[in-house]
N, C-alpha and C. Protein backbone atom coordinates (compact mmCIF):
# COMPACT_ATOMS: atom_id res chain seq x y z
N MET A 1 -208.59 -50.73 -255.47
CA MET A 1 -206.90 -50.78 -255.55
C MET A 1 -205.97 -49.59 -255.89
N ARG A 2 -206.63 -49.02 -256.87
CA ARG A 2 -206.25 -47.68 -257.61
C ARG A 2 -206.48 -46.34 -256.10
N GLU A 3 -207.80 -46.67 -255.55
CA GLU A 3 -208.01 -46.01 -254.69
C GLU A 3 -206.85 -45.80 -253.55
N THR A 4 -206.63 -47.17 -253.64
CA THR A 4 -205.56 -47.32 -252.44
C THR A 4 -204.21 -46.91 -252.35
N ARG A 5 -203.77 -46.87 -253.49
CA ARG A 5 -202.38 -46.37 -254.06
C ARG A 5 -202.61 -45.14 -254.09
N THR A 6 -203.48 -44.15 -254.30
CA THR A 6 -203.67 -42.72 -254.49
C THR A 6 -203.14 -42.20 -252.45
N ALA A 7 -204.11 -42.81 -251.93
CA ALA A 7 -204.28 -42.92 -250.67
C ALA A 7 -202.88 -42.87 -250.02
N VAL A 8 -202.24 -44.10 -250.49
CA VAL A 8 -200.40 -44.28 -249.54
C VAL A 8 -199.65 -42.84 -250.20
N TYR A 9 -199.86 -42.82 -251.73
CA TYR A 9 -199.06 -42.01 -251.98
C TYR A 9 -199.62 -40.49 -251.49
N LYS A 10 -200.38 -40.01 -250.94
CA LYS A 10 -200.75 -38.93 -250.53
C LYS A 10 -200.22 -38.97 -248.75
N LEU A 11 -200.02 -40.12 -248.33
CA LEU A 11 -199.46 -39.78 -247.01
C LEU A 11 -198.28 -40.01 -247.33
N GLN A 12 -197.68 -40.72 -248.52
CA GLN A 12 -196.12 -40.70 -248.05
C GLN A 12 -195.92 -39.27 -248.78
N LYS A 13 -196.25 -38.18 -249.33
CA LYS A 13 -196.31 -36.82 -249.89
C LYS A 13 -196.55 -36.05 -248.44
N ARG A 14 -197.33 -36.59 -247.92
CA ARG A 14 -197.38 -35.54 -246.64
C ARG A 14 -196.19 -35.59 -245.81
N SER A 15 -195.92 -36.68 -245.44
CA SER A 15 -194.89 -37.09 -244.85
C SER A 15 -193.85 -36.43 -245.37
N CYS A 16 -193.38 -36.55 -246.18
CA CYS A 16 -192.13 -36.38 -246.94
C CYS A 16 -192.16 -34.42 -246.75
N GLU A 17 -193.14 -33.99 -247.00
CA GLU A 17 -193.60 -32.28 -246.92
C GLU A 17 -193.31 -31.85 -245.20
N ASN A 18 -193.55 -32.68 -244.38
CA ASN A 18 -193.35 -32.27 -242.99
C ASN A 18 -191.98 -32.50 -242.04
N ASN A 19 -191.54 -33.50 -242.99
CA ASN A 19 -190.24 -33.62 -242.19
C ASN A 19 -189.05 -32.84 -243.31
N MET A 20 -189.25 -32.13 -244.18
CA MET A 20 -188.29 -31.28 -244.78
C MET A 20 -187.80 -30.26 -244.04
N LYS A 21 -186.38 -30.07 -244.14
CA LYS A 21 -186.17 -29.17 -243.22
C LYS A 21 -185.99 -27.81 -244.25
N THR A 22 -186.01 -26.89 -243.77
CA THR A 22 -185.73 -25.47 -243.85
C THR A 22 -184.45 -25.39 -244.30
N PRO A 23 -184.19 -24.67 -245.28
CA PRO A 23 -182.98 -24.60 -246.28
C PRO A 23 -182.00 -23.35 -245.12
N VAL A 24 -180.94 -23.36 -245.17
CA VAL A 24 -180.20 -22.34 -244.11
C VAL A 24 -179.36 -21.94 -245.30
N SER A 25 -178.48 -20.60 -245.07
CA SER A 25 -177.48 -20.44 -246.26
C SER A 25 -176.38 -20.80 -245.49
N VAL A 26 -175.24 -21.26 -246.15
CA VAL A 26 -173.83 -21.85 -246.12
C VAL A 26 -172.84 -20.43 -245.77
N LEU A 27 -172.53 -20.37 -244.65
CA LEU A 27 -171.45 -19.57 -244.24
C LEU A 27 -169.75 -19.98 -244.67
N ARG A 28 -169.42 -19.60 -245.72
CA ARG A 28 -167.97 -19.87 -246.43
C ARG A 28 -166.54 -18.83 -245.52
N LEU A 29 -165.92 -19.93 -244.64
CA LEU A 29 -165.00 -19.00 -244.01
C LEU A 29 -163.51 -19.23 -244.76
N PRO A 30 -162.90 -18.14 -245.14
CA PRO A 30 -161.64 -18.35 -245.37
C PRO A 30 -161.19 -19.25 -245.84
N ARG A 31 -159.70 -19.42 -246.65
CA ARG A 31 -158.84 -20.96 -246.37
C ARG A 31 -158.06 -20.72 -245.43
N GLY A 32 -157.69 -21.92 -244.56
CA GLY A 32 -156.39 -21.82 -243.79
C GLY A 32 -155.08 -22.01 -243.87
N PRO A 33 -153.95 -21.66 -242.95
CA PRO A 33 -153.01 -21.30 -243.64
C PRO A 33 -152.31 -22.93 -244.42
N GLU A 34 -151.57 -23.03 -244.96
CA GLU A 34 -151.09 -24.18 -245.67
C GLU A 34 -150.71 -25.51 -244.46
N PRO A 35 -150.63 -26.64 -244.65
CA PRO A 35 -150.21 -27.49 -243.79
C PRO A 35 -148.79 -27.27 -243.38
N ASN A 36 -148.31 -27.35 -244.32
CA ASN A 36 -146.56 -27.24 -243.69
C ASN A 36 -146.10 -26.24 -243.70
N SER A 37 -147.05 -24.51 -243.78
CA SER A 37 -146.46 -23.75 -243.49
C SER A 37 -146.12 -23.38 -242.24
N ARG A 38 -144.82 -22.49 -241.99
CA ARG A 38 -143.86 -22.10 -241.13
C ARG A 38 -144.19 -20.38 -240.52
N GLY A 39 -145.31 -20.04 -241.15
CA GLY A 39 -145.10 -18.75 -241.21
C GLY A 39 -144.95 -17.92 -242.16
N PHE A 40 -144.23 -16.65 -242.26
CA PHE A 40 -144.20 -15.58 -243.56
C PHE A 40 -143.18 -15.95 -244.20
N ASP A 41 -142.74 -16.06 -245.46
CA ASP A 41 -141.43 -15.90 -246.53
C ASP A 41 -140.94 -14.59 -246.45
N PRO A 42 -140.19 -13.80 -245.45
CA PRO A 42 -140.08 -12.10 -245.49
C PRO A 42 -139.62 -11.93 -246.95
N ASN A 43 -139.30 -13.30 -248.13
CA ASN A 43 -139.20 -12.63 -249.39
C ASN A 43 -140.57 -12.42 -250.60
N SER A 44 -141.34 -12.88 -249.66
CA SER A 44 -142.83 -12.54 -250.36
C SER A 44 -144.05 -11.52 -250.58
N PRO A 45 -144.08 -11.11 -251.50
CA PRO A 45 -144.89 -9.74 -251.55
C PRO A 45 -146.03 -9.69 -250.79
N ARG A 46 -146.61 -10.96 -250.20
CA ARG A 46 -147.39 -10.66 -249.18
C ARG A 46 -146.86 -9.83 -248.05
N TYR A 47 -145.67 -10.86 -247.97
CA TYR A 47 -145.04 -10.49 -246.37
C TYR A 47 -144.61 -8.84 -246.65
N ILE A 48 -143.85 -8.48 -247.56
CA ILE A 48 -143.52 -6.97 -247.62
C ILE A 48 -144.88 -5.82 -247.72
N ALA A 49 -146.01 -6.82 -248.33
CA ALA A 49 -147.34 -5.52 -248.32
C ALA A 49 -147.68 -5.33 -246.68
N LEU A 50 -147.55 -6.77 -245.94
CA LEU A 50 -148.08 -6.49 -244.75
C LEU A 50 -147.55 -5.75 -243.70
N CYS A 51 -146.27 -6.10 -244.12
CA CYS A 51 -144.86 -5.82 -243.05
C CYS A 51 -144.15 -4.55 -243.54
N PRO A 52 -144.63 -3.46 -244.13
CA PRO A 52 -143.49 -2.84 -244.64
C PRO A 52 -143.00 -2.11 -243.28
N THR A 53 -141.81 -1.52 -243.75
CA THR A 53 -140.38 -1.20 -242.51
C THR A 53 -139.86 0.32 -243.39
N THR A 54 -140.00 1.68 -242.23
CA THR A 54 -139.36 2.82 -242.88
C THR A 54 -137.93 2.82 -242.92
N ILE A 55 -137.65 1.72 -242.43
CA ILE A 55 -135.66 1.77 -242.40
C ILE A 55 -135.64 0.69 -243.29
N PRO A 56 -134.35 1.17 -244.28
CA PRO A 56 -134.08 0.10 -245.40
C PRO A 56 -133.12 -0.53 -244.88
N ALA A 57 -133.08 -2.23 -245.21
CA ALA A 57 -132.23 -3.10 -244.42
C ALA A 57 -130.68 -3.07 -245.41
N SER A 58 -129.86 -2.28 -244.79
CA SER A 58 -128.41 -1.93 -245.23
C SER A 58 -127.71 -2.91 -244.23
N LYS A 59 -126.60 -3.52 -244.75
CA LYS A 59 -125.35 -3.83 -243.93
C LYS A 59 -124.75 -2.66 -243.39
N GLY A 60 -124.80 -1.56 -243.15
CA GLY A 60 -123.38 -0.26 -243.34
C GLY A 60 -123.64 -0.04 -241.66
N ASN A 61 -124.44 0.91 -241.30
CA ASN A 61 -124.53 1.94 -240.19
C ASN A 61 -125.08 1.43 -239.01
N GLU A 62 -124.53 1.53 -238.01
CA GLU A 62 -125.08 1.12 -236.90
C GLU A 62 -126.21 1.80 -236.28
N ALA A 63 -126.04 3.49 -237.14
CA ALA A 63 -127.07 4.03 -236.42
C ALA A 63 -128.60 3.68 -237.00
N ASP A 64 -127.92 3.13 -238.15
CA ASP A 64 -129.51 2.17 -238.75
C ASP A 64 -129.70 1.22 -237.86
N PHE A 65 -129.07 0.33 -237.33
CA PHE A 65 -128.92 -1.24 -236.65
C PHE A 65 -129.90 -0.53 -235.32
N VAL A 66 -129.65 0.85 -234.79
CA VAL A 66 -130.55 1.20 -233.57
C VAL A 66 -132.19 1.39 -233.98
N ASN A 67 -132.03 2.43 -235.30
CA ASN A 67 -133.23 2.38 -235.44
C ASN A 67 -134.05 1.64 -235.96
N LEU A 68 -133.73 0.52 -236.38
CA LEU A 68 -134.04 -0.80 -236.74
C LEU A 68 -134.89 -1.75 -235.58
N GLU A 69 -133.71 -1.10 -234.47
CA GLU A 69 -134.35 -2.28 -233.20
C GLU A 69 -135.53 -1.25 -232.75
N GLU A 70 -135.39 -0.37 -232.60
CA GLU A 70 -136.56 0.28 -231.70
C GLU A 70 -137.74 0.77 -232.89
N GLU A 71 -137.62 0.57 -233.93
CA GLU A 71 -138.58 0.21 -234.48
C GLU A 71 -139.34 -0.99 -234.72
N GLN A 72 -138.94 -1.71 -234.39
CA GLN A 72 -139.39 -3.23 -234.12
C GLN A 72 -139.62 -3.27 -232.54
N GLN A 73 -139.11 -2.60 -231.71
CA GLN A 73 -139.78 -2.82 -230.35
C GLN A 73 -141.47 -1.84 -230.22
N LEU A 74 -141.30 -0.97 -230.94
CA LEU A 74 -142.13 0.11 -231.29
C LEU A 74 -143.63 -0.93 -232.20
N ARG A 75 -143.15 -1.67 -232.95
CA ARG A 75 -144.08 -2.31 -233.54
C ARG A 75 -144.64 -3.48 -232.87
N SER A 76 -143.77 -4.16 -232.09
CA SER A 76 -144.13 -5.21 -231.26
C SER A 76 -145.02 -4.97 -230.13
N GLU A 77 -144.82 -3.45 -229.67
CA GLU A 77 -145.59 -3.05 -228.35
C GLU A 77 -147.02 -2.64 -229.23
N LEU A 78 -147.10 -1.83 -230.60
CA LEU A 78 -148.58 -2.34 -230.81
C LEU A 78 -149.48 -3.23 -231.52
N ARG A 79 -148.34 -3.84 -232.05
CA ARG A 79 -148.75 -5.62 -232.19
C ARG A 79 -149.68 -6.12 -230.96
N GLU A 80 -149.10 -6.17 -229.84
CA GLU A 80 -149.55 -6.75 -228.69
C GLU A 80 -150.67 -6.08 -228.14
N ARG A 81 -150.81 -4.47 -228.26
CA ARG A 81 -152.19 -3.83 -227.70
C ARG A 81 -153.38 -3.84 -228.93
N PHE A 82 -152.90 -4.60 -229.95
CA PHE A 82 -154.02 -4.41 -231.20
C PHE A 82 -154.37 -5.84 -230.87
N LEU A 83 -153.81 -7.03 -230.56
CA LEU A 83 -154.05 -8.55 -230.18
C LEU A 83 -154.96 -8.46 -228.74
N ARG A 84 -154.27 -7.60 -227.83
CA ARG A 84 -155.16 -7.43 -226.63
C ARG A 84 -156.67 -7.06 -226.96
N SER A 85 -156.66 -5.62 -227.37
CA SER A 85 -158.02 -5.08 -227.76
C SER A 85 -158.70 -5.97 -228.54
N LEU A 86 -158.37 -7.23 -229.58
CA LEU A 86 -159.50 -8.37 -230.28
C LEU A 86 -159.51 -8.90 -229.29
N ILE A 87 -158.80 -9.15 -227.69
CA ILE A 87 -159.45 -10.50 -226.72
C ILE A 87 -160.22 -9.62 -226.18
N ALA A 88 -160.33 -8.85 -225.89
CA ALA A 88 -161.32 -7.74 -225.14
C ALA A 88 -162.73 -7.61 -225.39
N MET A 89 -163.12 -7.50 -226.97
CA MET A 89 -163.79 -7.20 -227.76
C MET A 89 -164.80 -8.71 -227.91
N THR A 90 -164.30 -9.88 -227.90
CA THR A 90 -164.61 -10.96 -227.78
C THR A 90 -165.97 -10.81 -227.33
N ASP A 91 -167.06 -11.42 -227.56
CA ASP A 91 -168.68 -11.55 -227.35
C ASP A 91 -169.17 -9.95 -226.78
N LYS A 92 -168.44 -9.10 -226.98
CA LYS A 92 -168.81 -7.83 -226.92
C LYS A 92 -169.84 -7.38 -228.23
N GLN A 93 -170.69 -5.86 -228.03
CA GLN A 93 -171.36 -5.57 -229.51
C GLN A 93 -170.28 -4.68 -229.85
N VAL A 94 -169.94 -4.42 -230.52
CA VAL A 94 -169.14 -3.66 -231.75
C VAL A 94 -169.52 -2.53 -232.85
N GLN A 95 -169.26 -1.52 -232.67
CA GLN A 95 -169.21 -0.87 -233.68
C GLN A 95 -168.31 -0.45 -234.79
N PHE A 96 -168.75 -0.73 -236.10
CA PHE A 96 -167.92 -0.49 -236.85
C PHE A 96 -168.10 0.51 -237.90
N ASN A 97 -167.19 1.21 -238.16
CA ASN A 97 -167.70 2.43 -239.19
C ASN A 97 -166.91 2.00 -240.66
N LEU A 98 -167.56 1.96 -241.54
CA LEU A 98 -167.22 1.65 -242.83
C LEU A 98 -167.22 2.58 -244.09
N TYR A 99 -166.61 2.30 -245.12
CA TYR A 99 -166.53 3.38 -246.10
C TYR A 99 -168.13 3.97 -246.09
N GLU A 100 -168.09 5.04 -247.20
CA GLU A 100 -169.19 5.09 -247.49
C GLU A 100 -170.07 5.99 -246.36
N LYS A 101 -169.61 6.09 -245.19
CA LYS A 101 -170.14 6.40 -243.97
C LYS A 101 -171.38 5.63 -243.21
N VAL A 102 -170.71 3.98 -243.63
CA VAL A 102 -171.96 3.04 -243.54
C VAL A 102 -171.29 3.05 -241.81
N GLN A 103 -172.17 2.61 -240.58
CA GLN A 103 -171.90 2.63 -239.56
C GLN A 103 -172.88 1.18 -239.25
N VAL A 104 -172.64 -0.28 -238.88
CA VAL A 104 -172.84 -1.24 -238.41
C VAL A 104 -172.61 -1.86 -236.75
N GLN A 105 -173.73 -2.66 -236.34
CA GLN A 105 -173.33 -3.27 -235.15
C GLN A 105 -173.02 -4.56 -235.43
N ALA A 106 -172.70 -5.52 -234.15
CA ALA A 106 -172.48 -6.86 -234.10
C ALA A 106 -171.74 -6.83 -232.97
N LYS A 107 -172.12 -8.43 -232.86
CA LYS A 107 -171.35 -8.96 -231.00
C LYS A 107 -170.10 -9.88 -232.06
N PHE A 108 -168.98 -9.24 -231.75
CA PHE A 108 -167.50 -9.58 -232.18
C PHE A 108 -167.54 -11.22 -231.41
N GLY A 109 -167.13 -12.43 -232.63
CA GLY A 109 -166.86 -13.37 -232.54
C GLY A 109 -165.35 -13.76 -232.37
N ALA A 110 -164.48 -13.59 -233.51
CA ALA A 110 -163.29 -13.79 -234.12
C ALA A 110 -162.77 -13.04 -235.00
N SER A 111 -161.12 -13.65 -235.18
CA SER A 111 -160.51 -12.72 -235.84
C SER A 111 -159.79 -14.15 -236.73
N ASP A 112 -159.28 -13.81 -238.09
CA ASP A 112 -158.68 -15.54 -238.57
C ASP A 112 -157.19 -14.84 -238.11
N ILE A 113 -156.20 -15.73 -238.43
CA ILE A 113 -154.77 -15.60 -238.26
C ILE A 113 -154.62 -14.46 -238.84
N ASP A 114 -154.65 -13.71 -239.60
CA ASP A 114 -153.78 -12.81 -240.49
C ASP A 114 -154.73 -11.38 -240.31
N VAL A 115 -155.72 -11.78 -239.59
CA VAL A 115 -156.74 -10.37 -239.21
C VAL A 115 -157.16 -9.91 -240.47
N LEU A 116 -157.54 -10.12 -241.31
CA LEU A 116 -158.20 -10.22 -242.48
C LEU A 116 -159.63 -10.13 -242.75
N ASN A 117 -160.35 -10.77 -241.54
CA ASN A 117 -161.87 -11.03 -241.77
C ASN A 117 -161.94 -11.09 -239.97
N PHE A 118 -163.10 -10.49 -240.01
CA PHE A 118 -164.01 -10.43 -238.71
C PHE A 118 -165.01 -11.67 -238.63
N GLN A 119 -165.20 -12.67 -237.84
CA GLN A 119 -166.56 -13.19 -237.60
C GLN A 119 -167.40 -12.55 -236.57
N VAL A 120 -168.64 -12.21 -236.53
CA VAL A 120 -169.43 -11.21 -236.03
C VAL A 120 -170.98 -12.36 -235.97
N SER A 121 -171.78 -11.92 -235.20
CA SER A 121 -173.02 -12.20 -234.91
C SER A 121 -174.28 -11.57 -234.75
N ASP A 122 -175.31 -11.67 -235.39
CA ASP A 122 -176.18 -10.63 -235.14
C ASP A 122 -176.51 -9.19 -235.79
N LEU A 123 -175.56 -8.78 -236.99
CA LEU A 123 -174.76 -8.21 -237.57
C LEU A 123 -175.83 -7.08 -238.01
N GLN A 124 -175.99 -5.85 -237.34
CA GLN A 124 -177.22 -5.17 -237.65
C GLN A 124 -176.84 -4.11 -238.91
N THR A 125 -177.26 -3.74 -240.23
CA THR A 125 -176.92 -3.47 -241.26
C THR A 125 -178.04 -2.48 -241.41
N PRO A 126 -178.35 -1.80 -241.79
CA PRO A 126 -179.31 -0.66 -242.78
C PRO A 126 -180.07 -1.34 -243.18
N LEU A 127 -179.72 -2.55 -243.61
CA LEU A 127 -180.77 -3.49 -244.57
C LEU A 127 -181.75 -4.74 -243.45
N GLY A 128 -180.70 -4.62 -242.94
CA GLY A 128 -181.28 -5.85 -241.89
C GLY A 128 -180.78 -6.72 -240.76
N VAL A 129 -180.58 -7.86 -240.67
CA VAL A 129 -179.53 -8.20 -239.03
C VAL A 129 -179.57 -9.38 -239.89
N GLN A 130 -178.17 -9.48 -240.01
CA GLN A 130 -177.67 -10.89 -240.55
C GLN A 130 -177.35 -12.18 -239.36
N LYS A 131 -177.49 -12.79 -239.21
CA LYS A 131 -177.19 -13.67 -237.89
C LYS A 131 -175.92 -14.07 -238.03
N GLU A 132 -175.20 -14.47 -238.49
CA GLU A 132 -173.51 -14.67 -239.04
C GLU A 132 -173.21 -13.65 -239.87
N ALA A 133 -171.47 -13.38 -240.27
CA ALA A 133 -171.37 -12.69 -241.17
C ALA A 133 -169.40 -12.59 -240.84
N LEU A 134 -168.60 -12.43 -241.78
CA LEU A 134 -167.78 -12.12 -242.30
C LEU A 134 -167.63 -10.71 -242.53
N LEU A 135 -166.84 -9.69 -242.10
CA LEU A 135 -166.50 -8.57 -241.86
C LEU A 135 -164.86 -8.17 -242.74
N ARG A 136 -164.77 -7.50 -243.85
CA ARG A 136 -163.42 -7.39 -244.50
C ARG A 136 -162.96 -6.60 -243.43
N CYS A 137 -161.44 -6.56 -242.88
CA CYS A 137 -160.83 -5.50 -242.22
C CYS A 137 -160.41 -4.50 -243.51
N GLN A 138 -160.20 -5.24 -244.50
CA GLN A 138 -160.07 -3.47 -245.73
C GLN A 138 -161.69 -2.74 -246.02
N ASP A 139 -162.57 -3.07 -245.35
CA ASP A 139 -163.25 -2.47 -245.57
C ASP A 139 -163.63 -1.35 -244.36
N MET A 140 -163.20 -1.62 -243.67
CA MET A 140 -163.53 -0.77 -241.95
C MET A 140 -162.53 0.59 -242.29
N ILE A 141 -162.93 1.49 -241.63
CA ILE A 141 -162.32 2.54 -241.02
C ILE A 141 -162.07 2.35 -239.37
N SER A 142 -162.49 1.72 -238.68
CA SER A 142 -162.60 1.93 -237.14
C SER A 142 -163.59 1.04 -236.65
N TYR A 143 -163.30 0.90 -235.48
CA TYR A 143 -164.47 0.27 -234.49
C TYR A 143 -164.35 0.78 -232.97
N SER A 144 -165.48 0.49 -232.53
CA SER A 144 -165.41 0.62 -231.16
C SER A 144 -166.20 -0.12 -230.05
N PHE A 145 -166.01 0.16 -228.99
CA PHE A 145 -166.56 -0.78 -227.92
C PHE A 145 -166.69 -0.66 -226.59
N HIS A 146 -167.58 -0.47 -225.99
CA HIS A 146 -167.33 -0.45 -224.35
C HIS A 146 -166.68 -1.27 -223.76
N LEU A 147 -165.75 -0.76 -222.72
CA LEU A 147 -164.96 -2.19 -221.68
C LEU A 147 -165.70 -2.56 -220.71
């Protein structure tokens, strides 16, 4: 009877060992926008830090108003070009130049809504290859890719 229990235990132990899945690392993405959010609050410090303007908001000069309109037009054109470049580099091999003269390559996947992080695949670093990763944009100096 005791031998039977031992044999059953060994069989159960082997079947558990064979069924055990290989552990994988968890990719944590940044938190999304608030559910009731309707965009940036122009008075928030985050908005001021992300969208500094060179022309002070004043109610006086018409020349300031014209300059402000020109600046807004130029900013909107630059923003559109940048967003089009993000679309163009989707699923392409991109080289990122980081601080401390570090260069990495990866297949670009997506960007978060604030363009603070890039999701990439097959990140080739000096230490090895990472299957999936998030790159912080504030760590980047530049990026390049072939059209």
